[in-house]
């Protein structure tokens, strides 16, 4: 049985096109060039943060986040950055009686924005900054399991990345759903792990309600 659904943030709920575009602007790099390098880094299996190093060696992401905020240009996302299926998918899953959470690698600032956007839609919002643990570390998923009122094998973690989301969540004992969007899922979609590891593979979050209902019916 699946009783709880926990969502990643970036490229699962939030389209990060604007966010990374503003990083390109901050680096004074053409957005297309930044995006191309971003994809190359991911395809090479490297940490996406190495993209910044390609343009500015020694780049400190934490320090630059603070510098952007001080300059009045903080990282930001809002309602217009949500994928169009998010609100309806959350409403459908809530109507199904499922416990809902949001948990991802996000800053304290982003956590505040998430709470403003989703406080009435989900039961819990947690970030890596809140917990002092980040994906893909197993500790992150253990923290999730501690706060979700279900057994770990009754949880479904939904994300767009095999490396950060699906593989470690499965290793923690959770069911998983891989959503096909964003640079990571697009690059990783046809890999062996992407085809074999997830409990579900979806093009839209709206598919989850029916898939979970079918899965739970078969579990009886």
N, C-alpha and C. Protein backbone atom coordinates (compact mmCIF):
# COMPACT_ATOMS: atom_id res chain seq x y z
N UNK A 1 0.83 -1.21 0.00
CA UNK A 1 0.00 0.00 0.00
C UNK A 1 0.87 1.26 0.00
N UNK A 2 0.43 2.24 -0.74
CA UNK A 2 1.06 3.56 -0.68
C UNK A 2 0.10 4.49 0.07
N UNK A 3 0.59 5.06 1.17
CA UNK A 3 -0.25 5.93 2.00
C UNK A 3 0.23 7.38 2.01
N UNK A 4 1.48 7.59 1.60
CA UNK A 4 2.06 8.93 1.64
C UNK A 4 2.84 9.20 0.36
N UNK A 5 2.73 10.41 -0.15
CA UNK A 5 3.45 10.81 -1.37
C UNK A 5 4.28 12.04 -1.04
N UNK A 6 5.58 11.96 -1.29
CA UNK A 6 6.49 13.07 -0.99
C UNK A 6 7.15 13.52 -2.29
N UNK A 7 7.13 14.82 -2.51
CA UNK A 7 7.61 15.38 -3.76
C UNK A 7 8.94 16.10 -3.60
N UNK A 8 9.82 15.87 -4.56
CA UNK A 8 10.99 16.71 -4.76
C UNK A 8 10.48 18.09 -5.22
N UNK A 9 11.37 19.08 -5.28
CA UNK A 9 10.97 20.44 -5.63
C UNK A 9 11.36 20.81 -7.06
N UNK A 10 12.67 21.02 -7.30
CA UNK A 10 13.13 21.49 -8.59
C UNK A 10 12.88 20.49 -9.71
N UNK A 11 12.25 20.93 -10.76
CA UNK A 11 11.90 20.14 -11.95
C UNK A 11 10.91 19.03 -11.66
N UNK A 12 10.37 19.02 -10.46
CA UNK A 12 9.26 18.12 -10.15
C UNK A 12 8.01 18.98 -9.95
N UNK A 13 8.09 19.92 -9.02
CA UNK A 13 7.01 20.89 -8.81
C UNK A 13 7.32 22.22 -9.49
N UNK A 14 8.58 22.62 -9.42
CA UNK A 14 8.99 23.95 -9.91
C UNK A 14 9.83 23.84 -11.18
N UNK A 15 9.41 24.55 -12.21
CA UNK A 15 10.19 24.68 -13.44
C UNK A 15 11.31 25.68 -13.15
N UNK A 16 12.55 25.22 -13.23
CA UNK A 16 13.68 26.05 -12.83
C UNK A 16 14.30 26.88 -13.96
N UNK A 17 13.57 26.99 -15.07
CA UNK A 17 14.07 27.76 -16.20
C UNK A 17 14.43 29.18 -15.80
N UNK A 18 13.54 29.84 -15.08
CA UNK A 18 13.79 31.22 -14.66
C UNK A 18 14.97 31.29 -13.71
N UNK A 19 15.03 30.37 -12.75
CA UNK A 19 16.10 30.40 -11.75
C UNK A 19 17.47 30.29 -12.39
N UNK A 20 17.64 29.32 -13.28
CA UNK A 20 18.96 29.15 -13.88
C UNK A 20 19.25 30.24 -14.91
N UNK A 21 18.20 30.80 -15.49
CA UNK A 21 18.41 31.94 -16.37
C UNK A 21 18.98 33.13 -15.61
N UNK A 22 18.47 33.36 -14.41
CA UNK A 22 18.99 34.49 -13.62
C UNK A 22 20.42 34.22 -13.13
N UNK A 23 20.77 32.94 -12.95
CA UNK A 23 22.16 32.63 -12.61
C UNK A 23 23.08 32.93 -13.79
N UNK A 24 22.62 32.63 -14.98
CA UNK A 24 23.42 32.96 -16.16
C UNK A 24 23.62 34.47 -16.24
N UNK A 25 22.55 35.21 -15.97
CA UNK A 25 22.65 36.68 -15.97
C UNK A 25 23.64 37.16 -14.92
N UNK A 26 23.60 36.55 -13.76
CA UNK A 26 24.50 36.93 -12.67
C UNK A 26 25.96 36.68 -13.06
N UNK A 27 26.18 35.59 -13.77
CA UNK A 27 27.53 35.25 -14.23
C UNK A 27 27.93 36.03 -15.49
N UNK A 28 26.96 36.76 -16.04
CA UNK A 28 27.16 37.52 -17.28
C UNK A 28 27.56 36.58 -18.43
N UNK A 29 26.81 35.48 -18.50
CA UNK A 29 26.99 34.46 -19.53
C UNK A 29 25.68 34.36 -20.32
N UNK A 30 25.72 34.24 -21.63
CA UNK A 30 24.47 34.05 -22.38
C UNK A 30 23.68 32.85 -21.84
N UNK A 31 22.38 33.01 -21.71
CA UNK A 31 21.56 31.95 -21.12
C UNK A 31 21.66 30.64 -21.91
N UNK A 32 21.69 30.74 -23.21
CA UNK A 32 21.78 29.53 -24.04
C UNK A 32 23.10 28.81 -23.78
N UNK A 33 24.18 29.55 -23.63
CA UNK A 33 25.49 28.96 -23.37
C UNK A 33 25.50 28.28 -22.00
N UNK A 34 24.95 28.97 -21.02
CA UNK A 34 24.88 28.40 -19.67
C UNK A 34 24.07 27.10 -19.68
N UNK A 35 22.92 27.12 -20.37
CA UNK A 35 22.06 25.94 -20.42
C UNK A 35 22.75 24.77 -21.12
N UNK A 36 23.51 25.08 -22.18
CA UNK A 36 24.22 24.03 -22.89
C UNK A 36 25.29 23.39 -22.00
N UNK A 37 26.03 24.21 -21.28
CA UNK A 37 27.05 23.68 -20.37
C UNK A 37 26.41 22.89 -19.23
N UNK A 38 25.28 23.38 -18.73
CA UNK A 38 24.54 22.70 -17.67
C UNK A 38 24.18 21.28 -18.12
N UNK A 39 23.65 21.16 -19.34
CA UNK A 39 23.29 19.84 -19.86
C UNK A 39 24.49 18.94 -20.05
N UNK A 40 25.60 19.54 -20.50
CA UNK A 40 26.82 18.75 -20.71
C UNK A 40 27.34 18.19 -19.40
N UNK A 41 27.32 19.00 -18.37
CA UNK A 41 27.79 18.57 -17.05
C UNK A 41 26.93 17.41 -16.54
N UNK A 42 25.62 17.52 -16.68
CA UNK A 42 24.72 16.45 -16.24
C UNK A 42 24.97 15.18 -17.03
N UNK A 43 25.09 15.32 -18.35
CA UNK A 43 25.30 14.15 -19.21
C UNK A 43 26.60 13.43 -18.89
N UNK A 44 27.58 14.17 -18.39
CA UNK A 44 28.85 13.58 -18.00
C UNK A 44 28.79 12.96 -16.61
N UNK A 45 27.64 13.03 -15.95
CA UNK A 45 27.48 12.45 -14.62
C UNK A 45 28.11 13.26 -13.51
N UNK A 46 28.38 14.53 -13.79
CA UNK A 46 29.00 15.40 -12.81
C UNK A 46 27.95 16.14 -11.99
N UNK A 47 28.36 16.73 -10.88
CA UNK A 47 27.49 17.55 -10.05
C UNK A 47 27.15 18.82 -10.82
N UNK A 48 25.86 19.17 -10.86
CA UNK A 48 25.44 20.34 -11.65
C UNK A 48 26.15 21.62 -11.21
N UNK A 49 26.59 21.66 -9.94
CA UNK A 49 27.25 22.87 -9.44
C UNK A 49 28.60 23.11 -10.13
N UNK A 50 29.12 22.07 -10.77
CA UNK A 50 30.37 22.25 -11.52
C UNK A 50 30.16 23.15 -12.74
N UNK A 51 28.91 23.32 -13.15
CA UNK A 51 28.61 24.24 -14.25
C UNK A 51 29.15 25.63 -13.95
N UNK A 52 28.94 26.07 -12.72
CA UNK A 52 29.38 27.41 -12.34
C UNK A 52 30.90 27.53 -12.40
N UNK A 53 31.57 26.44 -12.03
CA UNK A 53 33.04 26.44 -12.04
C UNK A 53 33.59 26.59 -13.46
N UNK A 54 32.85 26.10 -14.44
CA UNK A 54 33.30 26.20 -15.83
C UNK A 54 33.39 27.66 -16.27
N UNK A 55 32.52 28.48 -15.72
CA UNK A 55 32.50 29.90 -16.10
C UNK A 55 33.28 30.79 -15.14
N UNK A 56 33.34 30.36 -13.87
CA UNK A 56 34.06 31.16 -12.88
C UNK A 56 34.72 30.20 -11.88
N UNK A 57 35.95 29.76 -12.15
CA UNK A 57 36.65 28.85 -11.24
C UNK A 57 36.70 29.41 -9.82
N UNK A 58 36.45 28.52 -8.85
CA UNK A 58 36.43 28.96 -7.46
C UNK A 58 35.09 29.50 -7.01
N UNK A 59 34.09 29.41 -7.88
CA UNK A 59 32.75 29.92 -7.58
C UNK A 59 32.20 29.27 -6.32
N UNK A 60 31.75 30.08 -5.37
CA UNK A 60 31.17 29.60 -4.10
C UNK A 60 29.67 29.86 -4.16
N UNK A 61 28.88 28.81 -4.37
CA UNK A 61 27.45 28.97 -4.58
C UNK A 61 26.77 29.61 -3.38
N UNK A 62 27.16 29.20 -2.17
CA UNK A 62 26.54 29.77 -0.97
C UNK A 62 26.83 31.27 -0.88
N UNK A 63 28.09 31.64 -1.08
CA UNK A 63 28.47 33.05 -0.99
C UNK A 63 27.78 33.88 -2.07
N UNK A 64 27.67 33.30 -3.27
CA UNK A 64 27.04 34.03 -4.37
C UNK A 64 25.54 34.19 -4.15
N UNK A 65 24.92 33.19 -3.51
CA UNK A 65 23.50 33.33 -3.15
C UNK A 65 23.31 34.53 -2.23
N UNK A 66 24.20 34.66 -1.25
CA UNK A 66 24.10 35.78 -0.32
C UNK A 66 24.38 37.10 -1.03
N UNK A 67 25.34 37.08 -1.96
CA UNK A 67 25.66 38.29 -2.71
C UNK A 67 24.48 38.72 -3.57
N UNK A 68 23.80 37.77 -4.17
CA UNK A 68 22.62 38.10 -4.96
C UNK A 68 21.54 38.71 -4.09
N UNK A 69 21.34 38.14 -2.92
CA UNK A 69 20.32 38.67 -2.02
C UNK A 69 20.67 40.10 -1.60
N UNK A 70 21.94 40.31 -1.28
CA UNK A 70 22.39 41.64 -0.85
C UNK A 70 22.24 42.67 -1.97
N UNK A 71 22.33 42.19 -3.22
CA UNK A 71 22.20 43.08 -4.37
C UNK A 71 20.75 43.27 -4.79
N UNK A 72 19.83 42.68 -4.02
CA UNK A 72 18.42 42.81 -4.35
C UNK A 72 17.98 41.91 -5.49
N UNK A 73 18.76 40.87 -5.75
CA UNK A 73 18.45 39.93 -6.84
C UNK A 73 18.48 38.48 -6.32
N UNK A 74 17.75 38.19 -5.24
CA UNK A 74 17.81 36.85 -4.65
C UNK A 74 17.18 35.81 -5.57
N UNK A 75 17.57 34.55 -5.36
CA UNK A 75 16.89 33.46 -6.05
C UNK A 75 15.42 33.52 -5.67
N UNK A 76 14.57 33.29 -6.66
CA UNK A 76 13.15 33.38 -6.37
C UNK A 76 12.35 32.51 -7.34
N UNK A 77 11.25 31.98 -6.86
CA UNK A 77 10.28 31.31 -7.73
C UNK A 77 8.91 31.56 -7.14
N UNK A 78 7.89 31.48 -7.98
CA UNK A 78 6.54 31.76 -7.53
C UNK A 78 5.53 30.91 -8.26
N UNK A 79 4.27 31.28 -8.14
CA UNK A 79 3.18 30.52 -8.75
C UNK A 79 3.40 30.30 -10.25
N UNK A 80 3.90 31.31 -10.93
CA UNK A 80 4.09 31.22 -12.39
C UNK A 80 5.18 30.23 -12.78
N UNK A 81 6.02 29.83 -11.82
CA UNK A 81 7.09 28.87 -12.10
C UNK A 81 6.69 27.43 -11.81
N UNK A 82 5.51 27.21 -11.27
CA UNK A 82 5.06 25.84 -11.01
C UNK A 82 4.66 25.18 -12.33
N UNK A 83 4.95 23.89 -12.44
CA UNK A 83 4.48 23.15 -13.61
C UNK A 83 2.95 23.14 -13.59
N UNK A 84 2.31 23.20 -14.77
CA UNK A 84 0.85 23.38 -14.82
C UNK A 84 0.02 22.25 -14.23
N UNK A 85 0.62 21.07 -14.02
CA UNK A 85 -0.14 19.96 -13.46
C UNK A 85 -0.09 19.89 -11.93
N UNK A 86 0.71 20.74 -11.30
CA UNK A 86 1.01 20.60 -9.88
C UNK A 86 -0.23 20.77 -9.00
N UNK A 87 -0.94 21.86 -9.16
CA UNK A 87 -2.09 22.12 -8.28
C UNK A 87 -3.15 21.03 -8.40
N UNK A 88 -3.49 20.65 -9.61
CA UNK A 88 -4.53 19.64 -9.81
C UNK A 88 -4.08 18.27 -9.31
N UNK A 89 -2.80 17.97 -9.48
CA UNK A 89 -2.29 16.67 -9.00
C UNK A 89 -2.35 16.59 -7.49
N UNK A 90 -1.93 17.65 -6.81
CA UNK A 90 -1.99 17.67 -5.35
C UNK A 90 -3.43 17.55 -4.86
N UNK A 91 -4.34 18.26 -5.52
CA UNK A 91 -5.74 18.20 -5.12
C UNK A 91 -6.31 16.79 -5.29
N UNK A 92 -5.94 16.13 -6.38
CA UNK A 92 -6.44 14.77 -6.63
C UNK A 92 -5.92 13.80 -5.58
N UNK A 93 -4.65 13.90 -5.26
CA UNK A 93 -4.05 12.99 -4.28
C UNK A 93 -4.61 13.25 -2.88
N UNK A 94 -4.84 14.51 -2.58
CA UNK A 94 -5.46 14.87 -1.29
C UNK A 94 -6.86 14.28 -1.22
N UNK A 95 -7.62 14.38 -2.32
CA UNK A 95 -8.97 13.83 -2.37
C UNK A 95 -8.97 12.31 -2.21
N UNK A 96 -7.86 11.69 -2.61
CA UNK A 96 -7.72 10.23 -2.47
C UNK A 96 -7.41 9.82 -1.03
N UNK A 97 -7.19 10.81 -0.16
CA UNK A 97 -6.91 10.51 1.24
C UNK A 97 -5.46 10.22 1.54
N UNK A 98 -4.58 10.59 0.63
CA UNK A 98 -3.15 10.34 0.84
C UNK A 98 -2.50 11.48 1.63
N UNK A 99 -1.51 11.12 2.43
CA UNK A 99 -0.70 12.11 3.16
C UNK A 99 0.31 12.68 2.18
N UNK A 100 0.49 14.00 2.17
CA UNK A 100 1.35 14.63 1.17
C UNK A 100 2.47 15.44 1.82
N UNK A 101 3.64 15.35 1.24
CA UNK A 101 4.77 16.12 1.72
C UNK A 101 5.62 16.65 0.58
N UNK A 102 6.43 17.65 0.89
CA UNK A 102 7.42 18.19 -0.05
C UNK A 102 8.75 18.17 0.66
N UNK A 103 9.76 17.58 0.04
CA UNK A 103 11.08 17.48 0.67
C UNK A 103 12.15 17.48 -0.41
N UNK A 104 13.03 18.48 -0.38
CA UNK A 104 14.07 18.56 -1.40
C UNK A 104 15.31 19.29 -0.92
N UNK A 105 16.31 19.32 -1.78
CA UNK A 105 17.53 20.06 -1.49
C UNK A 105 17.26 21.54 -1.77
N UNK A 106 16.90 22.25 -0.73
CA UNK A 106 16.53 23.65 -0.89
C UNK A 106 17.08 24.48 0.27
N UNK A 107 17.28 25.75 0.01
CA UNK A 107 17.76 26.68 1.03
C UNK A 107 16.63 27.06 1.98
N UNK A 108 17.01 27.69 3.08
CA UNK A 108 16.01 28.19 4.02
C UNK A 108 15.10 29.20 3.33
N UNK A 109 15.69 30.04 2.47
CA UNK A 109 14.90 31.04 1.74
C UNK A 109 13.87 30.35 0.85
N UNK A 110 14.30 29.31 0.14
CA UNK A 110 13.38 28.58 -0.72
C UNK A 110 12.30 27.87 0.10
N UNK A 111 12.68 27.38 1.28
CA UNK A 111 11.71 26.74 2.15
C UNK A 111 10.59 27.68 2.55
N UNK A 112 10.94 28.93 2.79
CA UNK A 112 9.93 29.94 3.13
C UNK A 112 8.97 30.15 1.97
N UNK A 113 9.52 30.22 0.75
CA UNK A 113 8.68 30.39 -0.44
C UNK A 113 7.75 29.19 -0.61
N UNK A 114 8.29 27.99 -0.41
CA UNK A 114 7.48 26.78 -0.53
C UNK A 114 6.32 26.78 0.45
N UNK A 115 6.58 27.24 1.66
CA UNK A 115 5.50 27.28 2.67
C UNK A 115 4.43 28.30 2.29
N UNK A 116 4.84 29.39 1.67
CA UNK A 116 3.86 30.38 1.22
C UNK A 116 3.01 29.82 0.08
N UNK A 117 3.62 29.01 -0.77
CA UNK A 117 2.91 28.46 -1.93
C UNK A 117 2.04 27.26 -1.59
N UNK A 118 2.51 26.41 -0.65
CA UNK A 118 1.87 25.10 -0.48
C UNK A 118 1.37 24.79 0.93
N UNK A 119 1.37 25.76 1.81
CA UNK A 119 0.98 25.48 3.21
C UNK A 119 -0.38 24.82 3.32
N UNK A 120 -1.30 25.16 2.43
CA UNK A 120 -2.66 24.61 2.50
C UNK A 120 -2.85 23.36 1.66
N UNK A 121 -1.78 22.93 0.99
CA UNK A 121 -1.93 21.82 0.04
C UNK A 121 -1.28 20.52 0.51
N UNK A 122 -0.30 20.63 1.41
CA UNK A 122 0.44 19.44 1.85
C UNK A 122 0.54 19.42 3.37
N UNK A 123 0.95 18.26 3.89
CA UNK A 123 1.02 18.08 5.34
C UNK A 123 2.38 18.45 5.92
N UNK A 124 3.40 18.46 5.08
CA UNK A 124 4.76 18.76 5.57
C UNK A 124 5.60 19.35 4.45
N UNK A 125 6.42 20.34 4.80
CA UNK A 125 7.42 20.87 3.88
C UNK A 125 8.75 20.87 4.62
N UNK A 126 9.72 20.13 4.06
CA UNK A 126 11.04 20.04 4.68
C UNK A 126 12.12 20.27 3.65
N UNK A 127 13.23 20.88 4.09
CA UNK A 127 14.34 21.12 3.17
C UNK A 127 15.65 20.60 3.75
N UNK A 128 16.62 20.47 2.87
CA UNK A 128 17.94 20.02 3.31
C UNK A 128 18.53 20.98 4.33
N UNK A 129 18.29 22.27 4.17
CA UNK A 129 18.78 23.25 5.15
C UNK A 129 18.12 23.04 6.50
N UNK A 130 16.84 22.69 6.49
CA UNK A 130 16.12 22.44 7.75
C UNK A 130 16.73 21.26 8.50
N UNK A 131 17.08 20.23 7.75
CA UNK A 131 17.48 18.96 8.36
C UNK A 131 18.99 18.77 8.47
N UNK A 132 19.75 19.62 7.81
CA UNK A 132 21.20 19.44 7.84
C UNK A 132 21.65 18.18 7.13
N UNK A 133 20.86 17.75 6.18
CA UNK A 133 21.19 16.56 5.37
C UNK A 133 20.64 16.80 3.98
N UNK A 134 21.38 16.39 2.97
CA UNK A 134 20.94 16.66 1.60
C UNK A 134 21.02 15.39 0.75
N UNK A 135 20.18 15.36 -0.26
CA UNK A 135 20.21 14.25 -1.21
C UNK A 135 21.51 14.29 -2.00
N UNK A 136 22.06 13.15 -2.35
CA UNK A 136 21.49 11.80 -2.28
C UNK A 136 21.84 11.03 -1.00
N UNK A 137 22.31 11.72 0.04
CA UNK A 137 22.69 11.02 1.27
C UNK A 137 21.50 10.28 1.86
N UNK A 138 21.74 9.07 2.33
CA UNK A 138 20.68 8.26 2.93
C UNK A 138 20.06 8.97 4.12
N UNK A 139 20.86 9.77 4.83
CA UNK A 139 20.34 10.48 6.01
C UNK A 139 19.15 11.37 5.66
N UNK A 140 19.19 11.97 4.48
CA UNK A 140 18.07 12.83 4.05
C UNK A 140 16.77 12.03 4.03
N UNK A 141 16.81 10.85 3.43
CA UNK A 141 15.61 10.03 3.31
C UNK A 141 15.21 9.42 4.65
N UNK A 142 16.18 9.21 5.52
CA UNK A 142 15.85 8.77 6.87
C UNK A 142 15.11 9.87 7.62
N UNK A 143 15.53 11.11 7.41
CA UNK A 143 14.82 12.25 8.02
C UNK A 143 13.39 12.32 7.51
N UNK A 144 13.21 12.10 6.22
CA UNK A 144 11.87 12.09 5.64
C UNK A 144 11.03 11.00 6.30
N UNK A 145 11.61 9.80 6.38
CA UNK A 145 10.88 8.67 6.95
C UNK A 145 10.48 8.91 8.40
N UNK A 146 11.32 9.65 9.13
CA UNK A 146 11.03 9.92 10.55
C UNK A 146 9.80 10.79 10.74
N UNK A 147 9.54 11.69 9.78
CA UNK A 147 8.45 12.66 9.98
C UNK A 147 7.17 12.30 9.23
N UNK A 148 7.22 11.29 8.39
CA UNK A 148 6.03 10.88 7.66
C UNK A 148 5.29 9.81 8.47
N UNK A 149 3.99 9.98 8.70
CA UNK A 149 3.23 9.03 9.52
C UNK A 149 2.82 7.78 8.73
N UNK A 150 3.80 7.07 8.23
CA UNK A 150 3.56 5.82 7.49
C UNK A 150 4.84 5.00 7.56
N UNK A 151 4.71 3.72 7.25
CA UNK A 151 5.91 2.89 7.17
C UNK A 151 6.70 3.28 5.92
N UNK A 152 7.99 3.05 5.95
CA UNK A 152 8.82 3.50 4.82
C UNK A 152 8.39 2.85 3.50
N UNK A 153 7.91 1.60 3.55
CA UNK A 153 7.47 0.95 2.32
C UNK A 153 6.05 1.34 1.92
N UNK A 154 5.47 2.30 2.65
CA UNK A 154 4.17 2.87 2.28
C UNK A 154 4.33 4.28 1.72
N UNK A 155 5.58 4.69 1.51
CA UNK A 155 5.88 6.03 1.01
C UNK A 155 6.27 5.98 -0.46
N UNK A 156 5.83 6.99 -1.21
CA UNK A 156 6.22 7.15 -2.61
C UNK A 156 6.96 8.48 -2.74
N UNK A 157 8.22 8.41 -3.15
CA UNK A 157 8.99 9.64 -3.38
C UNK A 157 8.99 9.94 -4.87
N UNK A 158 8.60 11.16 -5.21
CA UNK A 158 8.46 11.57 -6.60
C UNK A 158 9.56 12.56 -6.95
N UNK A 159 10.33 12.27 -8.00
CA UNK A 159 11.40 13.17 -8.38
C UNK A 159 11.74 13.06 -9.85
N UNK A 160 12.68 13.90 -10.29
CA UNK A 160 13.06 13.95 -11.70
C UNK A 160 14.46 13.40 -11.94
N UNK A 161 15.15 12.98 -10.88
CA UNK A 161 16.53 12.55 -11.03
C UNK A 161 16.74 11.12 -10.53
N UNK A 162 17.42 10.31 -11.34
CA UNK A 162 17.77 8.97 -10.89
C UNK A 162 18.80 9.05 -9.78
N UNK A 163 19.82 9.88 -9.95
CA UNK A 163 20.95 9.92 -9.01
C UNK A 163 20.58 10.52 -7.67
N UNK A 164 19.79 11.58 -7.65
CA UNK A 164 19.48 12.27 -6.40
C UNK A 164 18.19 11.83 -5.75
N UNK A 165 17.27 11.31 -6.55
CA UNK A 165 15.92 11.01 -6.07
C UNK A 165 15.60 9.51 -6.05
N UNK A 166 15.57 8.92 -7.22
CA UNK A 166 15.03 7.57 -7.35
C UNK A 166 15.93 6.52 -6.72
N UNK A 167 17.22 6.54 -7.05
CA UNK A 167 18.12 5.52 -6.53
C UNK A 167 18.22 5.58 -5.00
N UNK A 168 18.49 6.75 -4.38
CA UNK A 168 18.61 6.77 -2.92
C UNK A 168 17.29 6.54 -2.20
N UNK A 169 16.18 7.01 -2.76
CA UNK A 169 14.88 6.77 -2.12
C UNK A 169 14.56 5.28 -2.13
N UNK A 170 14.84 4.61 -3.25
CA UNK A 170 14.62 3.17 -3.34
C UNK A 170 15.52 2.42 -2.36
N UNK A 171 16.77 2.89 -2.23
CA UNK A 171 17.69 2.26 -1.29
C UNK A 171 17.22 2.41 0.15
N UNK A 172 16.47 3.49 0.41
CA UNK A 172 15.93 3.72 1.76
C UNK A 172 14.67 2.90 2.01
N UNK A 173 14.18 2.21 0.97
CA UNK A 173 13.01 1.35 1.13
C UNK A 173 11.71 1.93 0.65
N UNK A 174 11.77 3.10 -0.01
CA UNK A 174 10.56 3.76 -0.49
C UNK A 174 10.21 3.31 -1.90
N UNK A 175 8.95 3.46 -2.26
CA UNK A 175 8.55 3.37 -3.65
C UNK A 175 8.93 4.70 -4.30
N UNK A 176 9.05 4.69 -5.63
CA UNK A 176 9.49 5.90 -6.31
C UNK A 176 8.71 6.13 -7.60
N UNK A 177 8.63 7.40 -7.99
CA UNK A 177 8.04 7.77 -9.27
C UNK A 177 8.97 8.76 -9.95
N UNK A 178 9.35 8.46 -11.19
CA UNK A 178 10.20 9.33 -11.98
C UNK A 178 9.34 10.12 -12.96
N UNK A 179 9.39 11.45 -12.85
CA UNK A 179 8.61 12.29 -13.75
C UNK A 179 9.51 12.78 -14.88
N UNK A 180 9.02 12.68 -16.09
CA UNK A 180 9.81 12.92 -17.30
C UNK A 180 9.78 14.41 -17.67
N UNK A 181 10.59 15.20 -17.00
CA UNK A 181 10.72 16.61 -17.37
C UNK A 181 11.96 17.21 -16.72
N UNK A 182 12.40 18.32 -17.26
CA UNK A 182 13.62 18.93 -16.76
C UNK A 182 14.84 18.29 -17.38
N UNK A 183 16.01 18.91 -17.23
CA UNK A 183 17.22 18.40 -17.88
C UNK A 183 17.66 17.02 -17.41
N UNK A 184 17.56 16.75 -16.10
CA UNK A 184 18.03 15.44 -15.60
C UNK A 184 17.20 14.29 -16.16
N UNK A 185 15.89 14.38 -16.01
CA UNK A 185 15.03 13.29 -16.49
C UNK A 185 15.13 13.12 -17.99
N UNK A 186 15.27 14.24 -18.71
CA UNK A 186 15.38 14.16 -20.16
C UNK A 186 16.65 13.41 -20.56
N UNK A 187 17.74 13.70 -19.87
CA UNK A 187 19.02 13.06 -20.17
C UNK A 187 19.05 11.61 -19.68
N UNK A 188 18.43 11.34 -18.54
CA UNK A 188 18.53 10.03 -17.91
C UNK A 188 17.40 9.07 -18.28
N UNK A 189 16.37 9.53 -18.95
CA UNK A 189 15.12 8.79 -19.13
C UNK A 189 15.31 7.39 -19.72
N UNK A 190 16.20 7.25 -20.67
CA UNK A 190 16.37 5.96 -21.35
C UNK A 190 17.49 5.10 -20.76
N UNK A 191 18.04 5.54 -19.63
CA UNK A 191 19.08 4.75 -18.99
C UNK A 191 18.48 3.49 -18.36
N UNK A 192 19.32 2.51 -18.11
CA UNK A 192 18.84 1.25 -17.54
C UNK A 192 18.18 1.48 -16.18
N UNK A 193 18.81 2.29 -15.33
CA UNK A 193 18.24 2.55 -14.00
C UNK A 193 16.89 3.26 -14.10
N UNK A 194 16.77 4.19 -15.04
CA UNK A 194 15.52 4.93 -15.19
C UNK A 194 14.38 4.03 -15.64
N UNK A 195 14.73 2.96 -16.35
CA UNK A 195 13.69 2.05 -16.83
C UNK A 195 13.35 0.96 -15.81
N UNK A 196 14.30 0.64 -14.93
CA UNK A 196 14.09 -0.49 -14.02
C UNK A 196 13.79 -0.10 -12.57
N UNK A 197 14.37 1.01 -12.11
CA UNK A 197 14.27 1.33 -10.68
C UNK A 197 12.91 1.88 -10.22
N UNK A 198 12.33 2.83 -10.94
CA UNK A 198 11.11 3.47 -10.41
C UNK A 198 9.92 2.52 -10.34
N UNK A 199 9.12 2.72 -9.33
CA UNK A 199 7.84 2.01 -9.25
C UNK A 199 6.93 2.46 -10.38
N UNK A 200 6.95 3.79 -10.64
CA UNK A 200 6.18 4.38 -11.72
C UNK A 200 7.07 5.31 -12.54
N UNK A 201 6.79 5.38 -13.83
CA UNK A 201 7.40 6.38 -14.72
C UNK A 201 6.25 7.19 -15.31
N UNK A 202 6.27 8.50 -15.12
CA UNK A 202 5.13 9.31 -15.54
C UNK A 202 5.57 10.50 -16.37
N UNK A 203 4.69 10.90 -17.28
CA UNK A 203 4.90 12.12 -18.06
C UNK A 203 4.30 13.32 -17.35
N UNK A 204 3.32 13.07 -16.49
CA UNK A 204 2.62 14.13 -15.77
C UNK A 204 2.31 13.65 -14.36
N UNK A 205 2.33 14.58 -13.41
CA UNK A 205 1.98 14.24 -12.03
C UNK A 205 0.50 13.85 -11.92
N UNK A 206 -0.30 14.21 -12.90
CA UNK A 206 -1.72 13.86 -12.89
C UNK A 206 -1.94 12.35 -13.03
N UNK A 207 -0.93 11.64 -13.49
CA UNK A 207 -1.04 10.19 -13.63
C UNK A 207 -0.96 9.46 -12.29
N UNK A 208 -0.43 10.15 -11.28
CA UNK A 208 -0.13 9.46 -10.01
C UNK A 208 -1.38 8.94 -9.30
N UNK A 209 -2.45 9.71 -9.30
CA UNK A 209 -3.65 9.29 -8.58
C UNK A 209 -4.15 7.94 -9.06
N UNK A 210 -4.28 7.77 -10.37
CA UNK A 210 -4.75 6.50 -10.92
C UNK A 210 -3.77 5.37 -10.71
N UNK A 211 -2.49 5.66 -10.88
CA UNK A 211 -1.47 4.62 -10.70
C UNK A 211 -1.41 4.12 -9.25
N UNK A 212 -1.52 5.04 -8.31
CA UNK A 212 -1.49 4.67 -6.90
C UNK A 212 -2.73 3.87 -6.54
N UNK A 213 -3.89 4.29 -7.06
CA UNK A 213 -5.12 3.56 -6.78
C UNK A 213 -5.03 2.13 -7.31
N UNK A 214 -4.49 1.98 -8.51
CA UNK A 214 -4.32 0.64 -9.10
C UNK A 214 -3.33 -0.19 -8.30
N UNK A 215 -2.23 0.43 -7.90
CA UNK A 215 -1.20 -0.25 -7.10
C UNK A 215 -1.79 -0.73 -5.77
N UNK A 216 -2.55 0.13 -5.12
CA UNK A 216 -3.12 -0.21 -3.82
C UNK A 216 -4.20 -1.28 -3.93
N UNK A 217 -4.94 -1.26 -5.03
CA UNK A 217 -5.97 -2.28 -5.24
C UNK A 217 -5.33 -3.65 -5.39
N UNK A 218 -4.18 -3.69 -6.06
CA UNK A 218 -3.48 -4.96 -6.25
C UNK A 218 -2.81 -5.44 -4.98
N UNK A 219 -2.58 -4.51 -4.05
CA UNK A 219 -1.89 -4.85 -2.80
C UNK A 219 -2.83 -5.54 -1.80
N UNK A 220 -4.13 -5.40 -2.03
CA UNK A 220 -5.10 -6.02 -1.10
C UNK A 220 -5.13 -7.54 -1.27
